[in-house]
Amino acid sequence: MTRDRFLVIFLRVAGAVSGSAALCAVMPLRAMDTVHRALGMGPLPNGPVVEYLARSTSAFYALLGALLWIISLDLPRYRPLVRLTGSAFVAMGILLLWTDIKAELPWFWQIAEGPIDAFLGVILFWAGRGEQSIKV
């Protein structure tokens, strides 16, 4: 498999996962509360800022998913953007880890967000270097 083929598949999978956040952007508040409780974080705090942040963050993740798909459709054209996106994912992953620790989110959240985003960024940066055969 070529590095570019791997990158196209990777971008589409990451885009689909990220794009699934669109469901959360329109999720009823009661369902958000149920998920919040199921994660062991108690009742979802009530207030307009909480709902705004939950929905807008989900919408931005969905937008990111769409952008990753668009990039995957014309890799030669968007290759510089792939490397920039990889760098941004690493920086964002570090910031998210710091934020998750500071906010005292559960350990599984801390592991699943920042470090995974940073790792995805490293993969994007590496794979975005250009066409080359790789062993997968």
C-alpha atoms as a PDB file:
ATOM      1  CA  MET A   1       0.000   0.000   0.000  1.00  0.00           C
ATOM      2  CA  THR A   2       1.320   3.427  -0.830  1.00  0.00           C
ATOM      3  CA  ARG A   3       1.619   6.134   1.780  1.00  0.00           C
ATOM      4  CA  ASP A   4      -0.940   8.197  -0.125  1.00  0.00           C
ATOM      5  CA  ARG A   5      -3.475   5.349  -0.188  1.00  0.00           C
ATOM      6  CA  PHE A   6      -2.965   4.862   3.561  1.00  0.00           C
ATOM      7  CA  LEU A   7      -3.418   8.602   4.084  1.00  0.00           C
ATOM      8  CA  VAL A   8      -6.651   8.731   2.078  1.00  0.00           C
ATOM      9  CA  ILE A   9      -8.110   5.863   4.108  1.00  0.00           C
ATOM     10  CA  PHE A  10      -6.872   7.388   7.363  1.00  0.00           C
ATOM     11  CA  LEU A  11      -8.355  10.807   6.520  1.00  0.00           C
ATOM     12  CA  ARG A  12     -11.707   9.255   5.639  1.00  0.00           C
ATOM     13  CA  VAL A  13     -11.907   7.134   8.788  1.00  0.00           C
ATOM     14  CA  ALA A  14     -10.879  10.073  10.992  1.00  0.00           C
ATOM     15  CA  GLY A  15     -13.325  12.276   9.088  1.00  0.00           C
ATOM     16  CA  ALA A  16     -16.177   9.829   9.580  1.00  0.00           C
ATOM     17  CA  VAL A  17     -15.475   9.479  13.304  1.00  0.00           C
ATOM     18  CA  SER A  18     -15.157  13.233  13.740  1.00  0.00           C
ATOM     19  CA  GLY A  19     -18.192  13.868  11.558  1.00  0.00           C
ATOM     20  CA  SER A  20     -20.327  11.632  13.760  1.00  0.00           C
ATOM     21  CA  ALA A  21     -20.239  14.467  16.313  1.00  0.00           C
ATOM     22  CA  ALA A  22     -22.951  16.113  14.214  1.00  0.00           C
ATOM     23  CA  LEU A  23     -25.370  13.792  16.006  1.00  0.00           C
ATOM     24  CA  CYS A  24     -24.288  15.229  19.350  1.00  0.00           C
ATOM     25  CA  ALA A  25     -24.790  18.789  18.117  1.00  0.00           C
ATOM     26  CA  VAL A  26     -28.514  18.119  17.739  1.00  0.00           C
ATOM     27  CA  MET A  27     -28.890  15.620  20.592  1.00  0.00           C
ATOM     28  CA  PRO A  28     -31.680  16.457  23.051  1.00  0.00           C
ATOM     29  CA  LEU A  29     -30.424  17.883  26.330  1.00  0.00           C
ATOM     30  CA  ARG A  30     -31.979  14.962  28.208  1.00  0.00           C
ATOM     31  CA  ALA A  31     -29.837  12.550  26.169  1.00  0.00           C
ATOM     32  CA  MET A  32     -26.723  14.646  26.897  1.00  0.00           C
ATOM     33  CA  ASP A  33     -27.559  14.382  30.594  1.00  0.00           C
ATOM     34  CA  THR A  34     -27.944  10.603  30.294  1.00  0.00           C
ATOM     35  CA  VAL A  35     -24.533  10.283  28.619  1.00  0.00           C
ATOM     36  CA  HIS A  36     -22.951  12.589  31.217  1.00  0.00           C
ATOM     37  CA  ARG A  37     -24.320  10.423  34.032  1.00  0.00           C
ATOM     38  CA  ALA A  38     -23.309   7.182  32.288  1.00  0.00           C
ATOM     39  CA  LEU A  39     -19.718   8.481  32.136  1.00  0.00           C
ATOM     40  CA  GLY A  40     -19.824   8.830  35.920  1.00  0.00           C
ATOM     41  CA  MET A  41     -19.742  12.620  35.945  1.00  0.00           C
ATOM     42  CA  GLY A  42     -23.104  13.160  37.638  1.00  0.00           C
ATOM     43  CA  PRO A  43     -25.909  15.298  36.254  1.00  0.00           C
ATOM     44  CA  LEU A  44     -25.150  17.612  33.355  1.00  0.00           C
ATOM     45  CA  PRO A  45     -24.920  21.156  34.734  1.00  0.00           C
ATOM     46  CA  ASN A  46     -27.876  23.272  33.707  1.00  0.00           C
ATOM     47  CA  GLY A  47     -27.375  26.542  31.881  1.00  0.00           C
ATOM     48  CA  PRO A  48     -27.103  28.140  28.472  1.00  0.00           C
ATOM     49  CA  VAL A  49     -23.281  28.152  28.416  1.00  0.00           C
ATOM     50  CA  VAL A  50     -23.129  24.383  29.003  1.00  0.00           C
ATOM     51  CA  GLU A  51     -25.565  23.679  26.176  1.00  0.00           C
ATOM     52  CA  TYR A  52     -23.812  26.181  23.885  1.00  0.00           C
ATOM     53  CA  LEU A  53     -20.372  24.667  24.508  1.00  0.00           C
ATOM     54  CA  ALA A  54     -21.607  21.090  24.066  1.00  0.00           C
ATOM     55  CA  ARG A  55     -23.366  21.850  20.801  1.00  0.00           C
ATOM     56  CA  SER A  56     -20.777  24.206  19.301  1.00  0.00           C
ATOM     57  CA  THR A  57     -17.878  21.863  20.133  1.00  0.00           C
ATOM     58  CA  SER A  58     -19.750  18.980  18.525  1.00  0.00           C
ATOM     59  CA  ALA A  59     -20.476  21.111  15.473  1.00  0.00           C
ATOM     60  CA  PHE A  60     -16.789  22.051  15.131  1.00  0.00           C
ATOM     61  CA  TYR A  61     -15.772  18.380  15.332  1.00  0.00           C
ATOM     62  CA  ALA A  62     -18.335  17.620  12.606  1.00  0.00           C
ATOM     63  CA  LEU A  63     -16.914  20.441  10.479  1.00  0.00           C
ATOM     64  CA  LEU A  64     -13.415  19.041  10.981  1.00  0.00           C
ATOM     65  CA  GLY A  65     -14.683  15.651   9.787  1.00  0.00           C
ATOM     66  CA  ALA A  66     -16.052  17.207   6.606  1.00  0.00           C
ATOM     67  CA  LEU A  67     -12.763  19.021   5.983  1.00  0.00           C
ATOM     68  CA  LEU A  68     -10.762  15.807   6.418  1.00  0.00           C
ATOM     69  CA  TRP A  69     -12.995  14.110   3.825  1.00  0.00           C
ATOM     70  CA  ILE A  70     -12.555  16.983   1.380  1.00  0.00           C
ATOM     71  CA  ILE A  71      -8.772  16.838   1.823  1.00  0.00           C
ATOM     72  CA  SER A  72      -8.857  13.091   1.082  1.00  0.00           C
ATOM     73  CA  LEU A  73     -10.561  13.716  -2.270  1.00  0.00           C
ATOM     74  CA  ASP A  74      -7.608  15.655  -3.748  1.00  0.00           C
ATOM     75  CA  LEU A  75      -4.502  14.696  -1.823  1.00  0.00           C
ATOM     76  CA  PRO A  76      -1.906  16.190  -4.217  1.00  0.00           C
ATOM     77  CA  ARG A  77      -3.623  19.563  -4.055  1.00  0.00           C
ATOM     78  CA  TYR A  78      -4.084  19.579  -0.270  1.00  0.00           C
ATOM     79  CA  ARG A  79      -0.827  17.877   0.825  1.00  0.00           C
ATOM     80  CA  PRO A  80       0.539  21.064   2.495  1.00  0.00           C
ATOM     81  CA  LEU A  81      -2.728  21.286   4.431  1.00  0.00           C
ATOM     82  CA  VAL A  82      -2.326  17.663   5.596  1.00  0.00           C
ATOM     83  CA  ARG A  83       1.022  18.459   7.207  1.00  0.00           C
ATOM     84  CA  LEU A  84      -0.370  21.650   8.756  1.00  0.00           C
ATOM     85  CA  THR A  85      -3.354  19.692  10.069  1.00  0.00           C
ATOM     86  CA  GLY A  86      -1.001  17.111  11.554  1.00  0.00           C
ATOM     87  CA  SER A  87       0.953  19.819  13.365  1.00  0.00           C
ATOM     88  CA  ALA A  88      -2.287  21.411  14.574  1.00  0.00           C
ATOM     89  CA  PHE A  89      -3.537  18.043  15.882  1.00  0.00           C
ATOM     90  CA  VAL A  90      -0.331  17.570  17.888  1.00  0.00           C
ATOM     91  CA  ALA A  91      -0.593  21.067  19.389  1.00  0.00           C
ATOM     92  CA  MET A  92      -4.312  20.654  20.078  1.00  0.00           C
ATOM     93  CA  GLY A  93      -3.732  17.235  21.624  1.00  0.00           C
ATOM     94  CA  ILE A  94      -1.242  18.704  24.078  1.00  0.00           C
ATOM     95  CA  LEU A  95      -3.613  21.564  24.913  1.00  0.00           C
ATOM     96  CA  LEU A  96      -6.544  19.177  25.361  1.00  0.00           C
ATOM     97  CA  LEU A  97      -4.549  16.913  27.667  1.00  0.00           C
ATOM     98  CA  TRP A  98      -3.597  19.910  29.803  1.00  0.00           C
ATOM     99  CA  THR A  99      -7.221  21.106  29.801  1.00  0.00           C
ATOM    100  CA  ASP A 100      -8.582  17.660  30.698  1.00  0.00           C
ATOM    101  CA  ILE A 101      -6.145  17.314  33.600  1.00  0.00           C
ATOM    102  CA  LYS A 102      -6.837  20.862  34.810  1.00  0.00           C
ATOM    103  CA  ALA A 103     -10.607  20.269  34.608  1.00  0.00           C
ATOM    104  CA  GLU A 104     -10.143  16.982  36.513  1.00  0.00           C
ATOM    105  CA  LEU A 105     -11.966  14.967  33.894  1.00  0.00           C
ATOM    106  CA  PRO A 106     -11.969  11.178  34.422  1.00  0.00           C
ATOM    107  CA  TRP A 107      -8.754   9.316  33.558  1.00  0.00           C
ATOM    108  CA  PHE A 108     -10.358   7.582  30.560  1.00  0.00           C
ATOM    109  CA  TRP A 109     -11.267  10.987  29.101  1.00  0.00           C
ATOM    110  CA  GLN A 110      -7.726  12.268  29.611  1.00  0.00           C
ATOM    111  CA  ILE A 111      -6.307   9.250  27.781  1.00  0.00           C
ATOM    112  CA  ALA A 112      -8.905   9.210  24.999  1.00  0.00           C
ATOM    113  CA  GLU A 113      -8.764  12.846  23.935  1.00  0.00           C
ATOM    114  CA  GLY A 114      -5.456  14.723  23.973  1.00  0.00           C
ATOM    115  CA  PRO A 115      -2.976  11.871  23.527  1.00  0.00           C
ATOM    116  CA  ILE A 116      -5.025  10.284  20.747  1.00  0.00           C
ATOM    117  CA  ASP A 117      -5.365  13.616  18.928  1.00  0.00           C
ATOM    118  CA  ALA A 118      -1.607  14.174  19.200  1.00  0.00           C
ATOM    119  CA  PHE A 119      -0.923  10.643  17.911  1.00  0.00           C
ATOM    120  CA  LEU A 120      -3.297  11.203  14.968  1.00  0.00           C
ATOM    121  CA  GLY A 121      -1.396  14.413  14.237  1.00  0.00           C
ATOM    122  CA  VAL A 122       1.916  12.565  14.138  1.00  0.00           C
ATOM    123  CA  ILE A 123       0.425  10.060  11.686  1.00  0.00           C
ATOM    124  CA  LEU A 124      -0.922  12.865   9.480  1.00  0.00           C
ATOM    125  CA  PHE A 125       2.406  14.694   9.522  1.00  0.00           C
ATOM    126  CA  TRP A 126       4.314  11.490   8.693  1.00  0.00           C
ATOM    127  CA  ALA A 127       1.942  10.260   6.004  1.00  0.00           C
ATOM    128  CA  GLY A 128       1.605  13.726   4.498  1.00  0.00           C
ATOM    129  CA  ARG A 129       5.253  13.701   3.405  1.00  0.00           C
ATOM    130  CA  GLY A 130       4.430  12.202   0.038  1.00  0.00           C
ATOM    131  CA  GLU A 131       3.961   9.122  -2.089  1.00  0.00           C
ATOM    132  CA  GLN A 132       5.979   6.120  -0.991  1.00  0.00           C
ATOM    133  CA  SER A 133       5.296   2.418  -0.526  1.00  0.00           C
ATOM    134  CA  ILE A 134       4.857   1.299   3.071  1.00  0.00           C
ATOM    135  CA  LYS A 135       4.262  -2.051   4.716  1.00  0.00           C
ATOM    136  CA  VAL A 136       0.902  -2.201   6.485  1.00  0.00           C
END
